Amino acid sequence: MSILDDWDDAEEIDYATDPAWNCVDCDIHTGLHEEYYMVHDSVWKLSGLGGNDGMLCIACLEDRIGRDLTPDDFPVLPINSGNFFSALLLARLGRVPN
């Protein structure tokens, strides 16, 4: 038996209904609302959450840290370079005017 056999037997997770994608503060589905992103560890720590404590939408992260995010808050990573983001996330990434 290989690891691929285990993968084939794994229960399929429905992305659209998986609660792991929900913002821990407001409960919106961050993936369906196109707010799947990564910020620098120093910014995330300001939220009071650990690395595996859940997800936050942009508005809730900003509420927690007490300020608007800026492009400098986001590391240059593939996760932050897509085109299918909410208008708010695009603005915070510096890709559209506020």
N, C-alpha and C. Protein backbone atom coordinates (compact mmCIF):
# COMPACT_ATOMS: atom_id res chain seq x y z
N MET A 1 0.85 -1.18 0.00
CA MET A 1 0.00 0.00 0.00
C MET A 1 0.89 1.24 0.00
N SER A 2 0.57 2.19 -0.86
CA SER A 2 1.36 3.41 -0.96
C SER A 2 0.57 4.58 -0.38
N ILE A 3 1.25 5.68 -0.25
CA ILE A 3 0.57 6.90 0.24
C ILE A 3 -0.53 7.32 -0.73
N LEU A 4 -0.37 7.00 -2.01
CA LEU A 4 -1.41 7.33 -2.99
C LEU A 4 -2.69 6.54 -2.73
N ASP A 5 -2.54 5.29 -2.24
CA ASP A 5 -3.73 4.52 -1.88
C ASP A 5 -4.47 5.19 -0.75
N ASP A 6 -3.73 5.68 0.24
CA ASP A 6 -4.35 6.39 1.35
C ASP A 6 -5.06 7.64 0.86
N TRP A 7 -4.44 8.34 -0.09
CA TRP A 7 -5.03 9.57 -0.64
C TRP A 7 -6.36 9.24 -1.33
N ASP A 8 -6.37 8.15 -2.11
CA ASP A 8 -7.59 7.77 -2.82
C ASP A 8 -8.71 7.41 -1.86
N ASP A 9 -8.37 6.87 -0.70
CA ASP A 9 -9.38 6.47 0.27
C ASP A 9 -9.81 7.61 1.19
N ALA A 10 -9.11 8.73 1.14
CA ALA A 10 -9.42 9.85 2.03
C ALA A 10 -10.79 10.42 1.69
N GLU A 11 -11.47 10.88 2.74
CA GLU A 11 -12.78 11.50 2.54
C GLU A 11 -12.61 12.82 1.81
N GLU A 12 -13.39 13.01 0.78
CA GLU A 12 -13.32 14.25 0.01
C GLU A 12 -13.95 15.38 0.81
N ILE A 13 -13.26 16.52 0.88
CA ILE A 13 -13.75 17.68 1.62
C ILE A 13 -14.39 18.64 0.63
N ASP A 14 -15.58 19.09 0.94
CA ASP A 14 -16.28 20.05 0.10
C ASP A 14 -15.83 21.45 0.49
N TYR A 15 -15.00 22.04 -0.35
CA TYR A 15 -14.43 23.37 -0.11
C TYR A 15 -15.50 24.39 0.25
N ALA A 16 -16.62 24.38 -0.47
CA ALA A 16 -17.65 25.40 -0.29
C ALA A 16 -18.35 25.31 1.06
N THR A 17 -18.33 24.16 1.70
CA THR A 17 -19.01 24.01 2.98
C THR A 17 -18.06 23.74 4.15
N ASP A 18 -16.78 23.65 3.88
CA ASP A 18 -15.81 23.36 4.93
C ASP A 18 -15.70 24.55 5.88
N PRO A 19 -16.07 24.40 7.15
CA PRO A 19 -16.04 25.52 8.10
C PRO A 19 -14.64 26.02 8.42
N ALA A 20 -13.61 25.27 8.04
CA ALA A 20 -12.24 25.73 8.29
C ALA A 20 -11.93 27.01 7.52
N TRP A 21 -12.69 27.30 6.47
CA TRP A 21 -12.50 28.50 5.66
C TRP A 21 -13.22 29.72 6.24
N ASN A 22 -14.05 29.52 7.26
CA ASN A 22 -14.83 30.63 7.81
C ASN A 22 -13.97 31.54 8.65
N CYS A 23 -14.23 32.84 8.55
CA CYS A 23 -13.58 33.83 9.41
C CYS A 23 -13.96 33.53 10.85
N VAL A 24 -12.99 33.46 11.73
CA VAL A 24 -13.28 33.11 13.12
C VAL A 24 -14.06 34.21 13.85
N ASP A 25 -14.10 35.42 13.30
CA ASP A 25 -14.83 36.51 13.95
C ASP A 25 -16.24 36.71 13.39
N CYS A 26 -16.38 36.77 12.07
CA CYS A 26 -17.70 37.08 11.49
C CYS A 26 -18.34 35.90 10.77
N ASP A 27 -17.60 34.82 10.61
CA ASP A 27 -18.10 33.56 10.06
C ASP A 27 -18.32 33.56 8.55
N ILE A 28 -17.87 34.59 7.81
CA ILE A 28 -18.00 34.50 6.36
C ILE A 28 -16.99 33.48 5.84
N HIS A 29 -17.28 32.88 4.73
CA HIS A 29 -16.39 31.89 4.11
C HIS A 29 -15.33 32.68 3.34
N THR A 30 -14.11 32.69 3.84
CA THR A 30 -13.05 33.53 3.27
C THR A 30 -12.71 33.14 1.83
N GLY A 31 -12.83 31.88 1.50
CA GLY A 31 -12.55 31.45 0.14
C GLY A 31 -13.63 31.91 -0.83
N LEU A 32 -14.88 31.71 -0.47
CA LEU A 32 -15.97 32.11 -1.35
C LEU A 32 -16.08 33.63 -1.46
N HIS A 33 -15.62 34.34 -0.45
CA HIS A 33 -15.61 35.81 -0.49
C HIS A 33 -14.30 36.34 -1.07
N GLU A 34 -13.49 35.44 -1.60
CA GLU A 34 -12.24 35.79 -2.29
C GLU A 34 -11.28 36.57 -1.40
N GLU A 35 -11.18 36.10 -0.15
CA GLU A 35 -10.24 36.72 0.79
C GLU A 35 -9.34 35.66 1.40
N TYR A 36 -8.68 34.91 0.55
CA TYR A 36 -7.69 33.92 0.95
C TYR A 36 -6.34 34.54 0.66
N TYR A 37 -5.54 34.79 1.68
CA TYR A 37 -4.32 35.58 1.56
C TYR A 37 -3.36 35.18 2.68
N MET A 38 -2.18 35.75 2.66
CA MET A 38 -1.23 35.57 3.75
C MET A 38 -0.57 36.92 4.03
N VAL A 39 -0.45 37.23 5.31
CA VAL A 39 0.28 38.43 5.74
C VAL A 39 1.56 37.99 6.44
N HIS A 40 2.46 38.92 6.63
CA HIS A 40 3.69 38.62 7.36
C HIS A 40 3.34 38.14 8.77
N ASP A 41 4.16 37.25 9.31
CA ASP A 41 3.94 36.71 10.65
C ASP A 41 3.77 37.81 11.69
N SER A 42 4.56 38.87 11.57
CA SER A 42 4.47 39.96 12.55
C SER A 42 3.10 40.63 12.54
N VAL A 43 2.48 40.71 11.39
CA VAL A 43 1.12 41.29 11.28
C VAL A 43 0.11 40.32 11.86
N TRP A 44 0.23 39.04 11.51
CA TRP A 44 -0.72 38.04 12.01
C TRP A 44 -0.67 37.96 13.54
N LYS A 45 0.51 38.05 14.10
CA LYS A 45 0.65 37.99 15.57
C LYS A 45 -0.13 39.11 16.25
N LEU A 46 -0.21 40.27 15.60
CA LEU A 46 -0.98 41.39 16.16
C LEU A 46 -2.45 41.06 16.28
N SER A 47 -2.93 40.09 15.50
CA SER A 47 -4.34 39.70 15.54
C SER A 47 -4.67 38.90 16.80
N GLY A 48 -3.65 38.35 17.44
CA GLY A 48 -3.87 37.52 18.61
C GLY A 48 -4.10 36.06 18.29
N LEU A 49 -4.08 35.72 17.01
CA LEU A 49 -4.25 34.33 16.59
C LEU A 49 -2.91 33.68 16.33
N GLY A 50 -2.84 32.39 16.55
CA GLY A 50 -1.65 31.63 16.20
C GLY A 50 -1.73 31.20 14.75
N GLY A 51 -0.71 30.55 14.28
CA GLY A 51 -0.63 30.16 12.89
C GLY A 51 -1.71 29.20 12.43
N ASN A 52 -2.23 28.40 13.32
CA ASN A 52 -3.26 27.41 12.95
C ASN A 52 -4.57 27.64 13.68
N ASP A 53 -4.83 28.88 14.08
CA ASP A 53 -6.04 29.17 14.86
C ASP A 53 -7.25 29.53 14.00
N GLY A 54 -7.10 29.52 12.70
CA GLY A 54 -8.23 29.82 11.83
C GLY A 54 -7.92 30.95 10.87
N MET A 55 -8.95 31.39 10.18
CA MET A 55 -8.81 32.42 9.17
C MET A 55 -9.58 33.66 9.58
N LEU A 56 -9.14 34.79 9.04
CA LEU A 56 -9.83 36.06 9.24
C LEU A 56 -10.06 36.71 7.89
N CYS A 57 -11.23 37.30 7.70
CA CYS A 57 -11.43 38.12 6.51
C CYS A 57 -10.62 39.40 6.72
N ILE A 58 -10.45 40.16 5.66
CA ILE A 58 -9.64 41.39 5.74
C ILE A 58 -10.21 42.36 6.77
N ALA A 59 -11.52 42.58 6.74
CA ALA A 59 -12.13 43.55 7.67
C ALA A 59 -11.90 43.15 9.12
N CYS A 60 -12.03 41.88 9.43
CA CYS A 60 -11.85 41.43 10.82
C CYS A 60 -10.39 41.49 11.24
N LEU A 61 -9.47 41.17 10.33
CA LEU A 61 -8.05 41.31 10.65
C LEU A 61 -7.74 42.78 10.94
N GLU A 62 -8.25 43.67 10.12
CA GLU A 62 -7.99 45.10 10.34
C GLU A 62 -8.61 45.57 11.65
N ASP A 63 -9.80 45.08 11.98
CA ASP A 63 -10.40 45.42 13.28
C ASP A 63 -9.51 44.97 14.42
N ARG A 64 -8.98 43.76 14.31
CA ARG A 64 -8.14 43.22 15.38
C ARG A 64 -6.83 43.99 15.55
N ILE A 65 -6.23 44.41 14.44
CA ILE A 65 -4.92 45.09 14.56
C ILE A 65 -5.07 46.61 14.66
N GLY A 66 -6.29 47.12 14.48
CA GLY A 66 -6.54 48.53 14.68
C GLY A 66 -6.08 49.45 13.57
N ARG A 67 -5.91 48.92 12.36
CA ARG A 67 -5.49 49.76 11.23
C ARG A 67 -5.78 49.03 9.93
N ASP A 68 -5.74 49.81 8.85
CA ASP A 68 -5.87 49.22 7.51
C ASP A 68 -4.57 48.52 7.14
N LEU A 69 -4.70 47.43 6.43
CA LEU A 69 -3.52 46.75 5.89
C LEU A 69 -2.94 47.56 4.74
N THR A 70 -1.66 47.41 4.51
CA THR A 70 -0.97 48.06 3.40
C THR A 70 -0.26 46.99 2.58
N PRO A 71 0.16 47.32 1.36
CA PRO A 71 0.88 46.33 0.55
C PRO A 71 2.11 45.75 1.26
N ASP A 72 2.74 46.53 2.12
CA ASP A 72 3.92 46.03 2.83
C ASP A 72 3.59 44.94 3.84
N ASP A 73 2.32 44.77 4.20
CA ASP A 73 1.92 43.73 5.14
C ASP A 73 1.86 42.35 4.52
N PHE A 74 1.90 42.28 3.20
CA PHE A 74 1.75 41.03 2.47
C PHE A 74 3.08 40.57 1.90
N PRO A 75 3.53 39.36 2.23
CA PRO A 75 4.76 38.85 1.61
C PRO A 75 4.54 38.56 0.13
N VAL A 76 5.61 38.60 -0.63
CA VAL A 76 5.53 38.27 -2.05
C VAL A 76 5.51 36.74 -2.16
N LEU A 77 4.31 36.23 -2.31
CA LEU A 77 4.08 34.78 -2.42
C LEU A 77 3.00 34.54 -3.45
N PRO A 78 2.98 33.36 -4.07
CA PRO A 78 1.93 33.06 -5.05
C PRO A 78 0.51 33.26 -4.51
N ILE A 79 0.29 32.95 -3.25
CA ILE A 79 -1.05 33.09 -2.67
C ILE A 79 -1.55 34.53 -2.75
N ASN A 80 -0.65 35.50 -2.75
CA ASN A 80 -1.02 36.91 -2.78
C ASN A 80 -0.95 37.52 -4.17
N SER A 81 -0.73 36.70 -5.18
CA SER A 81 -0.54 37.26 -6.52
C SER A 81 -1.64 36.87 -7.50
N GLY A 82 -2.71 36.27 -7.00
CA GLY A 82 -3.81 35.89 -7.88
C GLY A 82 -4.62 37.08 -8.35
N ASN A 83 -5.60 36.82 -9.18
CA ASN A 83 -6.47 37.87 -9.71
C ASN A 83 -7.89 37.79 -9.18
N PHE A 84 -8.21 36.74 -8.46
CA PHE A 84 -9.59 36.55 -7.99
C PHE A 84 -9.68 36.85 -6.51
N PHE A 85 -9.60 38.14 -6.19
CA PHE A 85 -9.68 38.60 -4.81
C PHE A 85 -10.83 39.59 -4.68
N SER A 86 -11.30 39.77 -3.45
CA SER A 86 -12.32 40.79 -3.21
C SER A 86 -11.74 42.16 -3.53
N ALA A 87 -12.63 43.13 -3.75
CA ALA A 87 -12.18 44.50 -4.03
C ALA A 87 -11.37 45.04 -2.86
N LEU A 88 -11.77 44.71 -1.64
CA LEU A 88 -11.03 45.20 -0.46
C LEU A 88 -9.63 44.61 -0.41
N LEU A 89 -9.51 43.31 -0.65
CA LEU A 89 -8.18 42.69 -0.63
C LEU A 89 -7.32 43.25 -1.75
N LEU A 90 -7.88 43.42 -2.94
CA LEU A 90 -7.10 44.02 -4.03
C LEU A 90 -6.61 45.41 -3.65
N ALA A 91 -7.46 46.19 -3.02
CA ALA A 91 -7.06 47.54 -2.60
C ALA A 91 -5.92 47.48 -1.58
N ARG A 92 -6.03 46.56 -0.63
CA ARG A 92 -4.98 46.46 0.39
C ARG A 92 -3.66 45.96 -0.20
N LEU A 93 -3.76 45.16 -1.26
CA LEU A 93 -2.56 44.69 -1.96
C LEU A 93 -1.97 45.79 -2.83
N GLY A 94 -2.68 46.90 -2.97
CA GLY A 94 -2.20 48.01 -3.77
C GLY A 94 -2.48 47.87 -5.25
N ARG A 95 -3.45 47.05 -5.62
CA ARG A 95 -3.72 46.79 -7.01
C ARG A 95 -4.87 47.59 -7.60
N VAL A 96 -5.68 48.19 -6.77
CA VAL A 96 -6.75 49.08 -7.23
C VAL A 96 -6.84 50.24 -6.25
N PRO A 97 -7.33 51.38 -6.69
CA PRO A 97 -7.47 52.50 -5.76
C PRO A 97 -8.51 52.21 -4.69
N ASN A 98 -8.32 52.78 -3.51
CA ASN A 98 -9.30 52.62 -2.43
C ASN A 98 -10.58 53.32 -2.75
